[in-house]
């Protein structure tokens, strides 16, 4: 039902894909949004399209100070912060033997440190106000390992563990892990191994559209106080994995 989410929601990686779809879904539900990503022009266009309840700021989730500034700006704009959706992620898959160390580091920095930077920025506020909700977008890769995806899967396993640790440490804070299967987004556009890039094209013949994941995020946010949706796994019906 439109207008059912009276919350201030921060979304990282909001310039495209799942992040953009989540912004659209939550805006339609009445949430006030502060969206961030590296591509400021796309954020600006999205915010202007969705209206005055959506504000934006360029964001590098690997920079802890930048994430702190992002959260502070959201608080200043809307007067509070209720939810953080940690959505930013990268997936330059390759075999371990390819020794793409820079790509490994990028995945660890964005997919793990980016999530931790977000949690660190909101956690003191959430503890002080005795409420809050962290939604971490992981992947079915948090539950499995496959060739060419060892490091990526490792980062998503870490996000799953971090989310569960947050849940156990704080009775007053809700923690949700959203684990999508294959989704038609530009995730993986930075794969430099031609064989893996071709395989990804094949996997995406059976894929969800980003709005399916956005609805899962909305479902978690719409639950009444005292109810915490700990994890939602969303796959295409015909998914092989």
C-alpha atoms as a PDB file:
ATOM      1  CA  UNK A   1       0.000   0.000   0.000  1.00  0.00           C
ATOM      2  CA  UNK A   2       1.417   3.370  -0.998  1.00  0.00           C
ATOM      3  CA  UNK A   3       2.506   5.585   1.863  1.00  0.00           C
ATOM      4  CA  UNK A   4       3.048   2.719   4.303  1.00  0.00           C
ATOM      5  CA  UNK A   5       6.730   3.301   5.160  1.00  0.00           C
ATOM      6  CA  UNK A   6       7.181   6.365   7.359  1.00  0.00           C
ATOM      7  CA  UNK A   7      10.951   6.063   7.584  1.00  0.00           C
ATOM      8  CA  UNK A   8      14.124   7.811   6.484  1.00  0.00           C
ATOM      9  CA  UNK A   9      16.046   5.276   4.406  1.00  0.00           C
ATOM     10  CA  UNK A  10      19.636   5.583   3.207  1.00  0.00           C
ATOM     11  CA  UNK A  11      20.618   3.546   0.140  1.00  0.00           C
ATOM     12  CA  UNK A  12      24.145   3.020  -1.160  1.00  0.00           C
ATOM     13  CA  UNK A  13      24.862   2.002  -4.736  1.00  0.00           C
ATOM     14  CA  UNK A  14      21.617   3.715  -5.724  1.00  0.00           C
ATOM     15  CA  UNK A  15      22.528   4.966  -9.194  1.00  0.00           C
ATOM     16  CA  UNK A  16      21.492   1.776 -11.019  1.00  0.00           C
ATOM     17  CA  UNK A  17      20.351  -1.806 -10.657  1.00  0.00           C
ATOM     18  CA  UNK A  18      19.013  -3.024  -7.322  1.00  0.00           C
ATOM     19  CA  UNK A  19      19.791   0.259  -5.570  1.00  0.00           C
ATOM     20  CA  UNK A  20      17.852   2.321  -8.106  1.00  0.00           C
ATOM     21  CA  UNK A  21      14.944  -0.129  -8.082  1.00  0.00           C
ATOM     22  CA  UNK A  22      14.864  -0.049  -4.279  1.00  0.00           C
ATOM     23  CA  UNK A  23      14.760   3.741  -4.310  1.00  0.00           C
ATOM     24  CA  UNK A  24      11.813   3.665  -6.685  1.00  0.00           C
ATOM     25  CA  UNK A  25       9.971   1.029  -4.661  1.00  0.00           C
ATOM     26  CA  UNK A  26      10.465   2.727  -1.310  1.00  0.00           C
ATOM     27  CA  UNK A  27       9.661   6.181  -2.657  1.00  0.00           C
ATOM     28  CA  UNK A  28       6.360   4.794  -3.943  1.00  0.00           C
ATOM     29  CA  UNK A  29       5.715   3.509  -0.413  1.00  0.00           C
ATOM     30  CA  UNK A  30       6.152   6.947   1.130  1.00  0.00           C
ATOM     31  CA  UNK A  31       9.674   6.631   2.525  1.00  0.00           C
ATOM     32  CA  UNK A  32      12.028   9.598   2.578  1.00  0.00           C
ATOM     33  CA  UNK A  33      15.252   8.633   0.879  1.00  0.00           C
ATOM     34  CA  UNK A  34      18.874   9.715   0.925  1.00  0.00           C
ATOM     35  CA  UNK A  35      20.644   7.985  -1.933  1.00  0.00           C
ATOM     36  CA  UNK A  36      24.349   7.657  -2.608  1.00  0.00           C
ATOM     37  CA  UNK A  37      26.721   6.296  -5.253  1.00  0.00           C
ATOM     38  CA  UNK A  38      29.794   7.363  -7.198  1.00  0.00           C
ATOM     39  CA  UNK A  39      27.808   8.499 -10.267  1.00  0.00           C
ATOM     40  CA  UNK A  40      26.374  11.814  -9.172  1.00  0.00           C
ATOM     41  CA  UNK A  41      24.643  12.661 -12.449  1.00  0.00           C
ATOM     42  CA  UNK A  42      22.544   9.506 -12.269  1.00  0.00           C
ATOM     43  CA  UNK A  43      21.669  10.147  -8.626  1.00  0.00           C
ATOM     44  CA  UNK A  44      20.627  13.706  -9.407  1.00  0.00           C
ATOM     45  CA  UNK A  45      18.369  12.585 -12.244  1.00  0.00           C
ATOM     46  CA  UNK A  46      16.774   9.868 -10.109  1.00  0.00           C
ATOM     47  CA  UNK A  47      16.172  12.215  -7.184  1.00  0.00           C
ATOM     48  CA  UNK A  48      14.617  14.835  -9.443  1.00  0.00           C
ATOM     49  CA  UNK A  49      12.352  12.203 -10.972  1.00  0.00           C
ATOM     50  CA  UNK A  50      11.195  10.803  -7.615  1.00  0.00           C
ATOM     51  CA  UNK A  51      10.523  14.171  -6.010  1.00  0.00           C
ATOM     52  CA  UNK A  52      11.307  16.288  -2.976  1.00  0.00           C
ATOM     53  CA  UNK A  53      11.295  13.372  -0.517  1.00  0.00           C
ATOM     54  CA  UNK A  54      14.482  12.062  -2.174  1.00  0.00           C
ATOM     55  CA  UNK A  55      17.889  13.691  -1.663  1.00  0.00           C
ATOM     56  CA  UNK A  56      21.287  12.556  -2.873  1.00  0.00           C
ATOM     57  CA  UNK A  57      25.017  12.814  -2.342  1.00  0.00           C
ATOM     58  CA  UNK A  58      27.959  11.305  -4.192  1.00  0.00           C
ATOM     59  CA  UNK A  59      29.443   8.495  -2.115  1.00  0.00           C
ATOM     60  CA  UNK A  60      32.481   6.233  -2.049  1.00  0.00           C
ATOM     61  CA  UNK A  61      31.643   3.462   0.411  1.00  0.00           C
ATOM     62  CA  UNK A  62      35.319   2.494   0.731  1.00  0.00           C
ATOM     63  CA  UNK A  63      36.063   5.875   2.336  1.00  0.00           C
ATOM     64  CA  UNK A  64      34.947   5.760   5.977  1.00  0.00           C
ATOM     65  CA  UNK A  65      34.950   9.558   6.316  1.00  0.00           C
ATOM     66  CA  UNK A  66      32.816   9.904   3.195  1.00  0.00           C
ATOM     67  CA  UNK A  67      30.279   7.414   4.547  1.00  0.00           C
ATOM     68  CA  UNK A  68      30.149   9.309   7.858  1.00  0.00           C
ATOM     69  CA  UNK A  69      29.532  12.526   5.926  1.00  0.00           C
ATOM     70  CA  UNK A  70      26.802  10.802   3.903  1.00  0.00           C
ATOM     71  CA  UNK A  71      24.942   9.747   7.044  1.00  0.00           C
ATOM     72  CA  UNK A  72      25.430  13.150   8.659  1.00  0.00           C
ATOM     73  CA  UNK A  73      24.035  14.854   5.554  1.00  0.00           C
ATOM     74  CA  UNK A  74      20.998  12.575   5.575  1.00  0.00           C
ATOM     75  CA  UNK A  75      20.364  13.360   9.233  1.00  0.00           C
ATOM     76  CA  UNK A  76      20.656  17.080   8.517  1.00  0.00           C
ATOM     77  CA  UNK A  77      18.278  16.843   5.553  1.00  0.00           C
ATOM     78  CA  UNK A  78      15.538  14.742   7.136  1.00  0.00           C
ATOM     79  CA  UNK A  79      16.110  15.077  10.889  1.00  0.00           C
ATOM     80  CA  UNK A  80      16.732  11.408  11.569  1.00  0.00           C
ATOM     81  CA  UNK A  81      17.991   8.120  10.124  1.00  0.00           C
ATOM     82  CA  UNK A  82      15.900   4.965  10.438  1.00  0.00           C
ATOM     83  CA  UNK A  83      17.266   2.501   7.886  1.00  0.00           C
ATOM     84  CA  UNK A  84      20.519   1.874   6.041  1.00  0.00           C
ATOM     85  CA  UNK A  85      20.450  -0.295   2.915  1.00  0.00           C
ATOM     86  CA  UNK A  86      24.045  -1.361   2.231  1.00  0.00           C
ATOM     87  CA  UNK A  87      23.696  -2.194  -1.446  1.00  0.00           C
ATOM     88  CA  UNK A  88      26.927  -1.077  -3.159  1.00  0.00           C
ATOM     89  CA  UNK A  89      28.936  -3.987  -4.504  1.00  0.00           C
ATOM     90  CA  UNK A  90      31.313  -5.135  -7.249  1.00  0.00           C
ATOM     91  CA  UNK A  91      31.874  -8.534  -8.863  1.00  0.00           C
ATOM     92  CA  UNK A  92      34.951  -8.788 -11.127  1.00  0.00           C
ATOM     93  CA  UNK A  93      35.025 -12.586 -11.191  1.00  0.00           C
ATOM     94  CA  UNK A  94      38.106 -14.521 -12.259  1.00  0.00           C
ATOM     95  CA  UNK A  95      39.914 -17.798 -11.479  1.00  0.00           C
ATOM     96  CA  UNK A  96      42.256 -17.560  -8.510  1.00  0.00           C
ATOM     97  CA  UNK A  97      45.135 -18.616 -10.751  1.00  0.00           C
ATOM     98  CA  UNK A  98      44.696 -15.425 -12.760  1.00  0.00           C
ATOM     99  CA  UNK A  99      46.138 -13.624  -9.703  1.00  0.00           C
ATOM    100  CA  UNK A 100      44.072 -10.485 -10.216  1.00  0.00           C
ATOM    101  CA  UNK A 101      45.124  -9.023  -6.879  1.00  0.00           C
ATOM    102  CA  UNK A 102      43.811  -5.541  -7.599  1.00  0.00           C
ATOM    103  CA  UNK A 103      40.373  -6.970  -8.339  1.00  0.00           C
ATOM    104  CA  UNK A 104      40.454  -9.058  -5.155  1.00  0.00           C
ATOM    105  CA  UNK A 105      41.277  -5.950  -3.166  1.00  0.00           C
ATOM    106  CA  UNK A 106      38.510  -3.955  -4.835  1.00  0.00           C
ATOM    107  CA  UNK A 107      35.922  -6.600  -3.952  1.00  0.00           C
ATOM    108  CA  UNK A 108      37.096  -6.739  -0.342  1.00  0.00           C
ATOM    109  CA  UNK A 109      37.147  -2.943  -0.056  1.00  0.00           C
ATOM    110  CA  UNK A 110      33.677  -2.377  -1.523  1.00  0.00           C
ATOM    111  CA  UNK A 111      31.812  -5.523  -0.502  1.00  0.00           C
ATOM    112  CA  UNK A 112      33.167  -5.899   3.053  1.00  0.00           C
ATOM    113  CA  UNK A 113      34.714  -2.609   4.159  1.00  0.00           C
ATOM    114  CA  UNK A 114      31.890  -0.710   2.460  1.00  0.00           C
ATOM    115  CA  UNK A 115      29.323  -2.595   4.534  1.00  0.00           C
ATOM    116  CA  UNK A 116      31.334  -2.100   7.728  1.00  0.00           C
ATOM    117  CA  UNK A 117      31.761   1.608   7.000  1.00  0.00           C
ATOM    118  CA  UNK A 118      28.008   1.935   6.656  1.00  0.00           C
ATOM    119  CA  UNK A 119      27.323   0.062   9.872  1.00  0.00           C
ATOM    120  CA  UNK A 120      29.927   2.113  11.752  1.00  0.00           C
ATOM    121  CA  UNK A 121      28.339   5.347  10.550  1.00  0.00           C
ATOM    122  CA  UNK A 122      24.790   4.510  11.651  1.00  0.00           C
ATOM    123  CA  UNK A 123      25.367   2.271  14.662  1.00  0.00           C
ATOM    124  CA  UNK A 124      26.002   4.990  17.287  1.00  0.00           C
ATOM    125  CA  UNK A 125      22.799   6.745  16.168  1.00  0.00           C
ATOM    126  CA  UNK A 126      20.774   3.567  16.235  1.00  0.00           C
ATOM    127  CA  UNK A 127      22.052   2.630  19.693  1.00  0.00           C
ATOM    128  CA  UNK A 128      21.312   6.116  21.019  1.00  0.00           C
ATOM    129  CA  UNK A 129      17.761   6.149  19.647  1.00  0.00           C
ATOM    130  CA  UNK A 130      17.194   2.492  20.589  1.00  0.00           C
ATOM    131  CA  UNK A 131      15.959   1.567  17.138  1.00  0.00           C
ATOM    132  CA  UNK A 132      17.197   1.204  13.598  1.00  0.00           C
ATOM    133  CA  UNK A 133      17.418  -1.227  10.727  1.00  0.00           C
ATOM    134  CA  UNK A 134      20.433  -2.323   8.689  1.00  0.00           C
ATOM    135  CA  UNK A 135      19.664  -4.126   5.433  1.00  0.00           C
ATOM    136  CA  UNK A 136      22.700  -5.695   3.785  1.00  0.00           C
ATOM    137  CA  UNK A 137      22.408  -6.840   0.184  1.00  0.00           C
ATOM    138  CA  UNK A 138      24.501  -9.983  -0.177  1.00  0.00           C
ATOM    139  CA  UNK A 139      23.932 -12.744  -2.748  1.00  0.00           C
ATOM    140  CA  UNK A 140      23.229 -16.441  -3.046  1.00  0.00           C
ATOM    141  CA  UNK A 141      27.048 -16.422  -3.142  1.00  0.00           C
ATOM    142  CA  UNK A 142      26.817 -16.001   0.646  1.00  0.00           C
ATOM    143  CA  UNK A 143      25.625 -19.633   0.736  1.00  0.00           C
ATOM    144  CA  UNK A 144      27.763 -21.298  -1.916  1.00  0.00           C
ATOM    145  CA  UNK A 145      31.154 -21.255  -3.628  1.00  0.00           C
ATOM    146  CA  UNK A 146      31.801 -21.782  -7.302  1.00  0.00           C
ATOM    147  CA  UNK A 147      34.829 -21.632  -9.626  1.00  0.00           C
ATOM    148  CA  UNK A 148      35.894 -18.094 -10.630  1.00  0.00           C
ATOM    149  CA  UNK A 149      33.905 -16.652  -7.715  1.00  0.00           C
ATOM    150  CA  UNK A 150      36.024 -17.667  -4.716  1.00  0.00           C
ATOM    151  CA  UNK A 151      36.873 -14.125  -3.611  1.00  0.00           C
ATOM    152  CA  UNK A 152      33.432 -12.735  -4.421  1.00  0.00           C
ATOM    153  CA  UNK A 153      31.777 -15.569  -2.498  1.00  0.00           C
ATOM    154  CA  UNK A 154      34.190 -14.936   0.355  1.00  0.00           C
ATOM    155  CA  UNK A 155      33.087 -11.316   0.564  1.00  0.00           C
ATOM    156  CA  UNK A 156      29.411 -12.270   0.577  1.00  0.00           C
ATOM    157  CA  UNK A 157      29.958 -14.973   3.210  1.00  0.00           C
ATOM    158  CA  UNK A 158      31.552 -12.212   5.274  1.00  0.00           C
ATOM    159  CA  UNK A 159      28.526  -9.932   4.825  1.00  0.00           C
ATOM    160  CA  UNK A 160      26.279 -12.763   5.996  1.00  0.00           C
ATOM    161  CA  UNK A 161      28.415 -13.276   9.114  1.00  0.00           C
ATOM    162  CA  UNK A 162      28.579  -9.536   9.854  1.00  0.00           C
ATOM    163  CA  UNK A 163      24.800  -9.208   9.545  1.00  0.00           C
ATOM    164  CA  UNK A 164      24.214 -12.093  11.927  1.00  0.00           C
ATOM    165  CA  UNK A 165      26.758 -10.687  14.376  1.00  0.00           C
ATOM    166  CA  UNK A 166      24.996  -7.332  14.344  1.00  0.00           C
ATOM    167  CA  UNK A 167      21.684  -9.029  15.025  1.00  0.00           C
ATOM    168  CA  UNK A 168      23.046 -10.946  17.991  1.00  0.00           C
ATOM    169  CA  UNK A 169      24.832  -7.963  19.540  1.00  0.00           C
ATOM    170  CA  UNK A 170      21.884  -5.526  19.453  1.00  0.00           C
ATOM    171  CA  UNK A 171      18.387  -6.421  20.593  1.00  0.00           C
ATOM    172  CA  UNK A 172      17.122  -2.967  19.637  1.00  0.00           C
ATOM    173  CA  UNK A 173      18.373  -3.011  16.018  1.00  0.00           C
ATOM    174  CA  UNK A 174      16.922  -5.006  13.161  1.00  0.00           C
ATOM    175  CA  UNK A 175      19.378  -6.694  10.798  1.00  0.00           C
ATOM    176  CA  UNK A 176      18.329  -8.155   7.459  1.00  0.00           C
ATOM    177  CA  UNK A 177      20.319  -9.970   4.795  1.00  0.00           C
ATOM    178  CA  UNK A 178      18.878  -9.885   1.277  1.00  0.00           C
ATOM    179  CA  UNK A 179      20.448 -12.584  -0.898  1.00  0.00           C
ATOM    180  CA  UNK A 180      19.577 -12.252  -4.585  1.00  0.00           C
ATOM    181  CA  UNK A 181      20.164 -14.904  -7.182  1.00  0.00           C
ATOM    182  CA  UNK A 182      21.040 -13.821 -10.700  1.00  0.00           C
ATOM    183  CA  UNK A 183      19.635 -10.364 -11.429  1.00  0.00           C
ATOM    184  CA  UNK A 184      19.749  -8.406 -14.689  1.00  0.00           C
ATOM    185  CA  UNK A 185      21.967  -5.498 -13.624  1.00  0.00           C
ATOM    186  CA  UNK A 186      25.363  -4.127 -14.641  1.00  0.00           C
ATOM    187  CA  UNK A 187      27.027  -5.972 -11.737  1.00  0.00           C
ATOM    188  CA  UNK A 188      29.971  -7.775 -13.270  1.00  0.00           C
ATOM    189  CA  UNK A 189      30.509  -5.220 -16.018  1.00  0.00           C
ATOM    190  CA  UNK A 190      34.079  -4.967 -14.743  1.00  0.00           C
ATOM    191  CA  UNK A 191      34.923  -8.650 -15.330  1.00  0.00           C
ATOM    192  CA  UNK A 192      38.176  -8.672 -17.299  1.00  0.00           C
ATOM    193  CA  UNK A 193      38.385 -12.428 -17.945  1.00  0.00           C
ATOM    194  CA  UNK A 194      36.665 -13.022 -21.334  1.00  0.00           C
ATOM    195  CA  UNK A 195      35.599 -16.604 -20.547  1.00  0.00           C
ATOM    196  CA  UNK A 196      33.992 -15.579 -17.263  1.00  0.00           C
ATOM    197  CA  UNK A 197      32.288 -12.603 -18.909  1.00  0.00           C
ATOM    198  CA  UNK A 198      30.787 -14.955 -21.493  1.00  0.00           C
ATOM    199  CA  UNK A 199      29.635 -17.333 -18.766  1.00  0.00           C
ATOM    200  CA  UNK A 200      27.899 -14.476 -16.944  1.00  0.00           C
ATOM    201  CA  UNK A 201      25.952 -13.685 -20.110  1.00  0.00           C
ATOM    202  CA  UNK A 202      24.765 -17.287 -20.099  1.00  0.00           C
ATOM    203  CA  UNK A 203      23.768 -17.218 -16.420  1.00  0.00           C
ATOM    204  CA  UNK A 204      21.710 -14.082 -17.011  1.00  0.00           C
ATOM    205  CA  UNK A 205      19.467 -15.869 -19.483  1.00  0.00           C
ATOM    206  CA  UNK A 206      17.613 -16.948 -16.330  1.00  0.00           C
ATOM    207  CA  UNK A 207      17.501 -13.806 -14.241  1.00  0.00           C
ATOM    208  CA  UNK A 208      15.304 -11.588 -12.131  1.00  0.00           C
ATOM    209  CA  UNK A 209      14.725  -7.914 -12.728  1.00  0.00           C
ATOM    210  CA  UNK A 210      15.932  -5.561  -9.954  1.00  0.00           C
ATOM    211  CA  UNK A 211      12.404  -4.703  -8.813  1.00  0.00           C
ATOM    212  CA  UNK A 212      12.055  -8.242  -7.439  1.00  0.00           C
ATOM    213  CA  UNK A 213      14.827  -7.523  -4.949  1.00  0.00           C
ATOM    214  CA  UNK A 214      13.419  -4.079  -4.193  1.00  0.00           C
ATOM    215  CA  UNK A 215      10.142  -5.698  -3.137  1.00  0.00           C
ATOM    216  CA  UNK A 216      12.049  -7.988  -0.781  1.00  0.00           C
ATOM    217  CA  UNK A 217      13.672  -4.954   0.852  1.00  0.00           C
ATOM    218  CA  UNK A 218      10.272  -3.304   1.178  1.00  0.00           C
ATOM    219  CA  UNK A 219       8.837  -6.450   2.774  1.00  0.00           C
ATOM    220  CA  UNK A 220      11.527  -6.409   5.446  1.00  0.00           C
ATOM    221  CA  UNK A 221      10.963  -2.716   6.174  1.00  0.00           C
ATOM    222  CA  UNK A 222       7.190  -3.007   6.414  1.00  0.00           C
ATOM    223  CA  UNK A 223       7.201  -5.458   9.304  1.00  0.00           C
ATOM    224  CA  UNK A 224       5.795  -4.195  12.634  1.00  0.00           C
ATOM    225  CA  UNK A 225       8.060  -3.298  15.536  1.00  0.00           C
ATOM    226  CA  UNK A 226       9.397  -6.412  17.205  1.00  0.00           C
ATOM    227  CA  UNK A 227       9.553  -8.395  13.952  1.00  0.00           C
ATOM    228  CA  UNK A 228      12.943  -8.819  12.293  1.00  0.00           C
ATOM    229  CA  UNK A 229      13.187 -10.509   8.897  1.00  0.00           C
ATOM    230  CA  UNK A 230      16.683 -11.923   9.209  1.00  0.00           C
ATOM    231  CA  UNK A 231      17.192 -13.158   5.657  1.00  0.00           C
ATOM    232  CA  UNK A 232      15.381 -13.298   2.343  1.00  0.00           C
ATOM    233  CA  UNK A 233      16.771 -15.366  -0.548  1.00  0.00           C
ATOM    234  CA  UNK A 234      15.263 -14.427  -3.910  1.00  0.00           C
ATOM    235  CA  UNK A 235      15.969 -16.552  -6.989  1.00  0.00           C
ATOM    236  CA  UNK A 236      14.436 -16.897 -10.437  1.00  0.00           C
ATOM    237  CA  UNK A 237      12.065 -19.879 -10.528  1.00  0.00           C
ATOM    238  CA  UNK A 238      14.244 -21.523 -13.169  1.00  0.00           C
ATOM    239  CA  UNK A 239      17.536 -20.795 -11.379  1.00  0.00           C
ATOM    240  CA  UNK A 240      20.285 -23.418 -11.475  1.00  0.00           C
ATOM    241  CA  UNK A 241      21.975 -21.922  -8.434  1.00  0.00           C
END
